[in-house]
Amino acid sequence: MPKSFPTGPEEIAGFENLSLNPEHPFLKRDIGYGWPGYALGANTDGPFVDEAIRFLERPHHQPFLLSVSLHNPHDICWWVRKPRPLTGRPDLPPLPDNFDRDPHEPEFLTWCRKRDHYGEEINYTVGWSDTDWRTYLHAYYRMTEHVDAEIGRLLAALRRCGLEENTVVVFTSDHGEGMAAHQWVAKLSLYQEVVRVPLLVAGPGVAGNGRVDDQSLVNGLDIAPTLCDLAGIAGPEPNGLSLRPLIQQPGVHWKRDHVVCELSPDDRRPELDGRLVVSHRYAYASYAVGHCPETLFDLQNDPGEKFNLASRPEAQIILNEHRIMLQKWIHETNDPFSPAPTP
């Protein structure tokens, strides 16, 4: 847990400068604590954890499932709209190694950079200096510290209430953040910074203290069947797989050799979308429209996804293998996705 963290929006650079449409329905909603404004995590995450702690402090005579959905660091999408430069600070984080844009990126992504509606955050970065980008990273890390501290309070309460030894804790997220890789902010891309999310499991029956598994391919659809399996109850017909073997048997053979991720970044034109196939070594993306609609990255030798192999003759066998994986997924799931034609 960090020694200090923001306690209000004024402590995170740029929040106090937000200027949003007061007629936006998100700004009008009452989130239940007398705050009719937009639900900034710096204001809401603390009270949400307070309520969760009050729940843990009650007498419990039967098993329970408690979901605590915290907001930050999602507020980075608001910060981007009204950043506040932090010039002269020596502690700004460095730019990532894959900061530069690919001059041959898919036309689909180039179009996304110019969008003026949903996902328009990236438009606000036009003209940013390196310092602006580093300040953005600084703000994102501060928001992450904030929510880390709230999670620390929740875990401390679990221990204090005597529930730690018989409670399985799962920590994950719905998506990542551009984090300046390829000069991208927010989500709505298929780069690894966006699609890879943390998944931490702790508690009784979890093998290996601090064990890290960075080889097995899992996704969010696996959470529900995993929790049902660990609880010994029958759940709904699962679309995912129970991760119980991975959690309880280190080194067990995992039967999944790829996962598929969906991107639908335009609420006005939903036919404009993309799919990502991640195998043990490669990440293959296919987009529905535009020139150069495919990317293939070797995550083992190029984890920053700087060298697109899709047009390389020596990569065509690997490319076709991943095309087949995607077509199989489309067929088995009745996915309406239609890849753009390729030369």
Protein backbone atom coordinates (compact mmCIF):
# COMPACT_ATOMS: atom_id res chain seq x y z
CA MET A 1 0.00 0.00 0.00
CA PRO A 2 1.46 3.43 -0.86
CA LYS A 3 2.33 5.79 1.97
CA SER A 4 0.21 8.53 0.47
CA PHE A 5 -2.48 8.75 -2.15
CA PRO A 6 -4.97 11.31 -3.43
CA THR A 7 -7.97 11.87 -1.18
CA GLY A 8 -9.91 14.05 -3.58
CA PRO A 9 -10.00 15.05 -7.23
CA GLU A 10 -8.01 18.19 -6.58
CA GLU A 11 -4.98 16.05 -5.78
CA ILE A 12 -4.92 14.38 -9.17
CA ALA A 13 -3.59 16.72 -11.81
CA GLY A 14 -6.31 18.21 -13.94
CA PHE A 15 -9.48 17.01 -12.20
CA GLU A 16 -10.37 20.46 -10.94
CA ASN A 17 -10.30 21.75 -14.51
CA LEU A 18 -12.91 19.36 -15.87
CA SER A 19 -15.57 21.06 -17.94
CA LEU A 20 -18.26 18.60 -19.05
CA ASN A 21 -21.68 18.98 -20.60
CA PRO A 22 -24.06 19.47 -17.63
CA GLU A 23 -26.89 17.90 -19.63
CA HIS A 24 -25.05 14.61 -20.07
CA PRO A 25 -27.16 11.90 -18.39
CA PHE A 26 -24.09 10.54 -16.59
CA LEU A 27 -23.65 13.87 -14.82
CA LYS A 28 -27.28 13.97 -13.73
CA ARG A 29 -27.45 10.61 -12.04
CA ASP A 30 -27.42 10.34 -8.25
CA ILE A 31 -25.01 7.58 -7.28
CA GLY A 32 -26.56 7.17 -3.86
CA TYR A 33 -24.31 9.26 -1.65
CA GLY A 34 -25.79 12.66 -2.36
CA TRP A 35 -23.37 13.37 -5.20
CA PRO A 36 -25.40 14.10 -8.34
CA GLY A 37 -22.25 14.69 -10.38
CA TYR A 38 -20.11 12.29 -12.34
CA ALA A 39 -18.73 9.45 -10.26
CA LEU A 40 -15.05 10.27 -9.97
CA GLY A 41 -13.26 7.41 -8.31
CA ALA A 42 -11.45 9.74 -5.94
CA ASN A 43 -14.88 10.52 -4.46
CA THR A 44 -16.67 7.21 -4.84
CA ASP A 45 -14.16 4.41 -4.30
CA GLY A 46 -13.68 5.20 -0.61
CA PRO A 47 -17.39 5.14 0.27
CA PHE A 48 -17.89 1.96 -1.77
CA VAL A 49 -15.17 0.26 0.24
CA ASP A 50 -16.69 1.63 3.45
CA GLU A 51 -19.96 -0.11 2.55
CA ALA A 52 -18.12 -3.33 1.71
CA ILE A 53 -16.33 -3.23 5.05
CA ARG A 54 -19.63 -2.72 6.85
CA PHE A 55 -20.91 -5.83 5.08
CA LEU A 56 -17.86 -7.84 6.18
CA GLU A 57 -18.37 -6.71 9.79
CA ARG A 58 -21.87 -8.20 9.95
CA PRO A 59 -22.40 -11.69 11.38
CA HIS A 60 -22.22 -14.27 8.57
CA HIS A 61 -23.96 -17.60 9.03
CA GLN A 62 -23.73 -18.80 5.44
CA PRO A 63 -21.34 -18.36 2.49
CA PHE A 64 -21.49 -15.09 0.60
CA LEU A 65 -20.31 -13.51 -2.63
CA LEU A 66 -19.23 -9.89 -2.35
CA SER A 67 -18.40 -7.94 -5.50
CA VAL A 68 -16.66 -4.58 -5.01
CA SER A 69 -16.40 -2.73 -8.31
CA LEU A 70 -14.07 0.21 -7.91
CA HIS A 71 -13.86 3.06 -10.36
CA ASN A 72 -10.23 4.09 -10.62
CA PRO A 73 -8.01 4.23 -12.55
CA HIS A 74 -10.79 4.54 -15.15
CA ASP A 75 -10.94 8.30 -14.53
CA ILE A 76 -7.89 8.70 -16.72
CA CYS A 77 -10.36 9.08 -19.60
CA TRP A 78 -11.62 12.29 -17.96
CA TRP A 79 -8.12 13.50 -17.13
CA VAL A 80 -7.10 13.28 -20.80
CA ARG A 81 -9.77 15.81 -21.69
CA LYS A 82 -8.41 18.43 -19.28
CA PRO A 83 -4.79 17.66 -18.43
CA ARG A 84 -2.71 19.91 -16.21
CA PRO A 85 0.99 20.03 -17.12
CA LEU A 86 3.42 19.20 -14.33
CA THR A 87 6.53 20.89 -15.66
CA GLY A 88 9.83 20.77 -13.86
CA ARG A 89 9.10 17.57 -11.96
CA PRO A 90 11.99 15.10 -11.95
CA ASP A 91 9.78 12.17 -10.96
CA LEU A 92 7.64 11.95 -14.09
CA PRO A 93 7.71 8.37 -15.40
CA PRO A 94 9.59 7.71 -18.63
CA LEU A 95 7.88 7.09 -21.93
CA PRO A 96 7.50 3.41 -22.85
CA ASP A 97 9.88 1.76 -25.25
CA ASN A 98 7.04 1.33 -27.76
CA PHE A 99 5.90 4.97 -27.60
CA ASP A 100 6.29 5.66 -31.34
CA ARG A 101 3.35 5.12 -33.66
CA ASP A 102 3.65 2.52 -36.39
CA PRO A 103 3.74 4.50 -39.67
CA HIS A 104 2.05 1.52 -41.33
CA GLU A 105 -0.60 0.86 -38.69
CA PRO A 106 -3.97 -0.48 -39.89
CA GLU A 107 -6.12 2.22 -41.43
CA PHE A 108 -8.80 1.17 -38.97
CA LEU A 109 -6.69 2.46 -36.06
CA THR A 110 -5.72 5.62 -37.91
CA TRP A 111 -9.41 6.32 -38.38
CA CYS A 112 -10.06 5.66 -34.68
CA ARG A 113 -7.52 8.35 -33.81
CA LYS A 114 -9.70 10.93 -35.59
CA ARG A 115 -13.07 9.97 -34.13
CA ASP A 116 -15.11 12.79 -32.58
CA HIS A 117 -17.57 10.68 -30.57
CA TYR A 118 -17.23 7.56 -28.42
CA GLY A 119 -13.55 6.88 -27.86
CA GLU A 120 -12.58 10.42 -28.73
CA GLU A 121 -10.10 10.68 -25.85
CA ILE A 122 -7.20 10.11 -28.20
CA ASN A 123 -8.17 13.25 -30.11
CA TYR A 124 -7.17 15.28 -27.07
CA THR A 125 -3.56 14.10 -27.35
CA VAL A 126 -2.94 15.81 -30.69
CA GLY A 127 -0.02 18.16 -30.17
CA TRP A 128 1.03 16.67 -26.84
CA SER A 129 4.69 17.03 -25.95
CA ASP A 130 6.73 14.24 -24.38
CA THR A 131 6.18 15.96 -21.04
CA ASP A 132 2.41 15.88 -21.59
CA TRP A 133 2.57 12.15 -22.23
CA ARG A 134 4.72 11.58 -19.17
CA THR A 135 2.31 13.66 -17.07
CA TYR A 136 -0.54 11.50 -18.31
CA LEU A 137 1.33 8.40 -17.11
CA HIS A 138 1.98 10.10 -13.79
CA ALA A 139 -1.75 10.77 -13.34
CA TYR A 140 -2.63 7.20 -14.29
CA TYR A 141 -0.17 5.76 -11.79
CA ARG A 142 -1.53 8.05 -9.06
CA MET A 143 -5.08 6.84 -9.74
CA THR A 144 -3.80 3.28 -9.54
CA GLU A 145 -2.14 4.02 -6.20
CA HIS A 146 -5.43 5.43 -4.96
CA VAL A 147 -7.42 2.31 -5.75
CA ASP A 148 -4.60 0.07 -4.47
CA ALA A 149 -4.91 1.77 -1.10
CA GLU A 150 -8.67 1.18 -1.04
CA ILE A 151 -8.13 -2.50 -1.84
CA GLY A 152 -5.60 -2.60 0.99
CA ARG A 153 -8.26 -1.29 3.39
CA LEU A 154 -10.69 -3.95 2.21
CA LEU A 155 -8.20 -6.79 2.64
CA ALA A 156 -7.25 -5.52 6.08
CA ALA A 157 -10.92 -5.59 7.07
CA LEU A 158 -11.26 -9.15 5.75
CA ARG A 159 -8.39 -10.17 8.01
CA ARG A 160 -9.68 -8.19 10.99
CA CYS A 161 -13.11 -9.85 10.69
CA GLY A 162 -11.57 -13.32 10.78
CA LEU A 163 -12.67 -14.13 7.23
CA GLU A 164 -9.30 -14.27 5.50
CA GLU A 165 -8.73 -18.01 6.00
CA ASN A 166 -11.97 -19.11 4.37
CA THR A 167 -12.46 -16.50 1.66
CA VAL A 168 -11.18 -16.68 -1.91
CA VAL A 169 -10.27 -13.23 -3.23
CA VAL A 170 -10.19 -12.51 -6.96
CA PHE A 171 -8.83 -9.25 -8.32
CA THR A 172 -9.19 -8.38 -11.98
CA SER A 173 -10.24 -5.62 -14.37
CA ASP A 174 -12.45 -5.19 -17.41
CA HIS A 175 -9.78 -3.69 -19.66
CA GLY A 176 -6.42 -1.99 -19.67
CA GLU A 177 -5.24 1.46 -20.76
CA GLY A 178 -3.19 2.68 -23.71
CA MET A 179 -0.45 3.95 -21.37
CA ALA A 180 1.23 5.91 -24.20
CA ALA A 181 2.19 2.76 -26.08
CA HIS A 182 1.92 3.61 -29.79
CA GLN A 183 0.80 7.05 -28.55
CA TRP A 184 -2.53 5.57 -27.49
CA VAL A 185 -4.75 6.52 -24.58
CA ALA A 186 -7.86 4.88 -23.11
CA LYS A 187 -9.06 1.52 -24.44
CA LEU A 188 -10.63 0.76 -27.85
CA SER A 189 -7.61 -0.89 -29.44
CA LEU A 190 -6.31 -4.44 -29.55
CA TYR A 191 -2.82 -3.64 -28.29
CA GLN A 192 -1.58 -5.70 -25.36
CA GLU A 193 -1.64 -2.73 -22.98
CA VAL A 194 -5.42 -2.63 -23.42
CA VAL A 195 -6.39 -6.30 -23.66
CA ARG A 196 -4.13 -7.77 -20.95
CA VAL A 197 -5.59 -7.32 -17.48
CA PRO A 198 -4.45 -8.46 -14.03
CA LEU A 199 -5.94 -11.62 -12.56
CA LEU A 200 -4.93 -12.37 -8.97
CA VAL A 201 -6.41 -15.18 -6.90
CA ALA A 202 -5.65 -15.67 -3.20
CA GLY A 203 -7.14 -17.68 -0.37
CA PRO A 204 -7.66 -21.25 0.80
CA GLY A 205 -6.76 -23.90 -1.73
CA VAL A 206 -4.61 -21.58 -3.83
CA ALA A 207 -1.25 -23.23 -4.42
CA GLY A 208 2.00 -21.32 -4.20
CA ASN A 209 2.53 -18.13 -2.24
CA GLY A 210 3.07 -15.36 -4.78
CA ARG A 211 3.27 -17.81 -7.69
CA VAL A 212 3.07 -16.15 -11.13
CA ASP A 213 1.65 -17.94 -14.17
CA ASP A 214 2.33 -15.90 -17.29
CA GLN A 215 1.92 -18.79 -19.74
CA SER A 216 -1.65 -20.08 -19.38
CA LEU A 217 -4.22 -18.35 -21.57
CA VAL A 218 -7.30 -17.27 -19.63
CA ASN A 219 -10.01 -14.65 -20.01
CA GLY A 220 -12.86 -12.96 -18.17
CA LEU A 221 -15.35 -15.65 -19.18
CA ASP A 222 -13.45 -18.01 -16.87
CA ILE A 223 -14.27 -16.10 -13.67
CA ALA A 224 -17.85 -17.34 -13.10
CA PRO A 225 -17.15 -21.07 -13.68
CA THR A 226 -14.03 -20.79 -11.51
CA LEU A 227 -15.90 -19.29 -8.56
CA CYS A 228 -18.71 -21.84 -8.86
CA ASP A 229 -16.18 -24.68 -9.02
CA LEU A 230 -14.26 -23.44 -5.98
CA ALA A 231 -17.52 -23.05 -4.05
CA GLY A 232 -18.63 -26.56 -5.00
CA ILE A 233 -21.85 -25.40 -6.61
CA ALA A 234 -23.34 -25.81 -10.05
CA GLY A 235 -23.34 -22.65 -12.09
CA PRO A 236 -24.96 -21.70 -15.39
CA GLU A 237 -23.76 -23.35 -18.57
CA PRO A 238 -20.28 -21.83 -18.79
CA ASN A 239 -18.79 -20.10 -21.79
CA GLY A 240 -15.42 -20.16 -20.08
CA LEU A 241 -13.31 -22.72 -18.24
CA SER A 242 -12.81 -23.23 -14.54
CA LEU A 243 -9.32 -22.14 -13.56
CA ARG A 244 -9.31 -24.43 -10.55
CA PRO A 245 -6.66 -26.77 -12.02
CA LEU A 246 -4.32 -23.82 -12.61
CA ILE A 247 -4.99 -22.42 -9.16
CA GLN A 248 -4.53 -25.64 -7.22
CA GLN A 249 -2.05 -27.66 -9.31
CA PRO A 250 1.04 -25.71 -10.40
CA GLY A 251 2.40 -26.99 -13.69
CA VAL A 252 -0.82 -28.75 -14.73
CA HIS A 253 -1.33 -29.04 -18.49
CA TRP A 254 -3.77 -26.35 -19.62
CA LYS A 255 -5.94 -27.31 -22.57
CA ARG A 256 -6.45 -23.88 -24.12
CA ASP A 257 -4.04 -22.80 -26.86
CA HIS A 258 -5.59 -19.42 -27.74
CA VAL A 259 -8.11 -16.83 -26.62
CA VAL A 260 -10.19 -14.40 -28.67
CA CYS A 261 -10.93 -10.78 -27.80
CA GLU A 262 -13.63 -8.59 -29.35
CA LEU A 263 -13.37 -4.89 -30.20
CA SER A 264 -16.47 -2.87 -31.07
CA PRO A 265 -15.27 0.72 -30.74
CA ASP A 266 -18.04 2.69 -32.43
CA ASP A 267 -21.55 2.94 -31.02
CA ARG A 268 -22.76 4.73 -34.15
CA ARG A 269 -21.44 2.17 -36.62
CA PRO A 270 -21.28 -1.19 -34.83
CA GLU A 271 -20.26 -2.98 -38.01
CA LEU A 272 -16.84 -1.38 -37.61
CA ASP A 273 -15.12 -3.80 -35.30
CA GLY A 274 -12.16 -6.10 -34.86
CA ARG A 275 -11.04 -9.37 -33.30
CA LEU A 276 -7.82 -10.46 -31.63
CA VAL A 277 -6.45 -13.98 -31.37
CA VAL A 278 -3.74 -14.47 -28.76
CA SER A 279 -1.84 -17.73 -28.78
CA HIS A 280 1.11 -18.71 -26.61
CA ARG A 281 3.52 -16.68 -28.72
CA TYR A 282 1.61 -14.50 -31.15
CA ALA A 283 -1.09 -11.82 -31.22
CA TYR A 284 -3.10 -11.67 -34.43
CA ALA A 285 -5.61 -8.84 -35.00
CA SER A 286 -8.14 -8.63 -37.81
CA TYR A 287 -10.21 -5.52 -38.54
CA ALA A 288 -13.47 -5.27 -40.46
CA VAL A 289 -12.53 -2.32 -42.66
CA GLY A 290 -9.62 -0.37 -44.06
CA HIS A 291 -6.27 -0.98 -45.69
CA CYS A 292 -3.73 -3.20 -43.92
CA PRO A 293 -6.50 -4.82 -41.83
CA GLU A 294 -4.26 -7.39 -40.12
CA THR A 295 -1.47 -7.33 -37.59
CA LEU A 296 0.67 -10.20 -36.35
CA PHE A 297 3.11 -9.67 -33.51
CA ASP A 298 5.62 -12.09 -32.03
CA LEU A 299 5.06 -11.46 -28.31
CA GLN A 300 8.12 -13.50 -27.38
CA ASN A 301 10.62 -11.43 -29.38
CA ASP A 302 8.58 -8.26 -29.72
CA PRO A 303 6.48 -7.77 -26.55
CA GLY A 304 6.01 -4.09 -27.39
CA GLU A 305 4.32 -4.99 -30.69
CA LYS A 306 6.55 -2.73 -32.76
CA PHE A 307 7.09 -4.99 -35.77
CA ASN A 308 3.99 -6.13 -37.66
CA LEU A 309 4.75 -9.45 -39.34
CA ALA A 310 1.47 -9.78 -41.25
CA SER A 311 3.01 -8.85 -44.59
CA ARG A 312 6.30 -10.72 -44.10
CA PRO A 313 6.67 -13.77 -46.38
CA GLU A 314 8.40 -15.75 -43.63
CA ALA A 315 5.39 -15.28 -41.33
CA GLN A 316 2.65 -16.45 -43.69
CA ILE A 317 2.34 -19.94 -42.19
CA ILE A 318 1.86 -18.48 -38.70
CA LEU A 319 -0.52 -15.86 -40.09
CA ASN A 320 -2.69 -18.50 -41.77
CA GLU A 321 -2.76 -20.62 -38.61
CA HIS A 322 -4.20 -17.68 -36.69
CA ARG A 323 -6.66 -16.86 -39.45
CA ILE A 324 -7.96 -20.42 -39.12
CA MET A 325 -8.25 -20.02 -35.33
CA LEU A 326 -10.37 -16.91 -35.85
CA GLN A 327 -12.56 -18.54 -38.50
CA LYS A 328 -13.15 -21.49 -36.19
CA TRP A 329 -14.19 -19.11 -33.42
CA ILE A 330 -16.55 -17.25 -35.77
CA HIS A 331 -18.17 -20.52 -36.83
CA GLU A 332 -18.48 -22.05 -33.34
CA THR A 333 -19.88 -18.92 -31.67
CA ASN A 334 -21.99 -17.55 -34.54
CA ASP A 335 -19.88 -14.42 -34.35
CA PRO A 336 -21.11 -11.92 -36.98
CA PHE A 337 -17.62 -10.50 -37.47
CA SER A 338 -16.47 -10.32 -41.09
CA PRO A 339 -12.77 -9.65 -41.69
CA ALA A 340 -11.82 -7.06 -44.29
CA PRO A 341 -10.47 -8.46 -47.55
CA THR A 342 -6.70 -8.91 -47.70
CA PRO A 343 -4.49 -8.79 -50.82
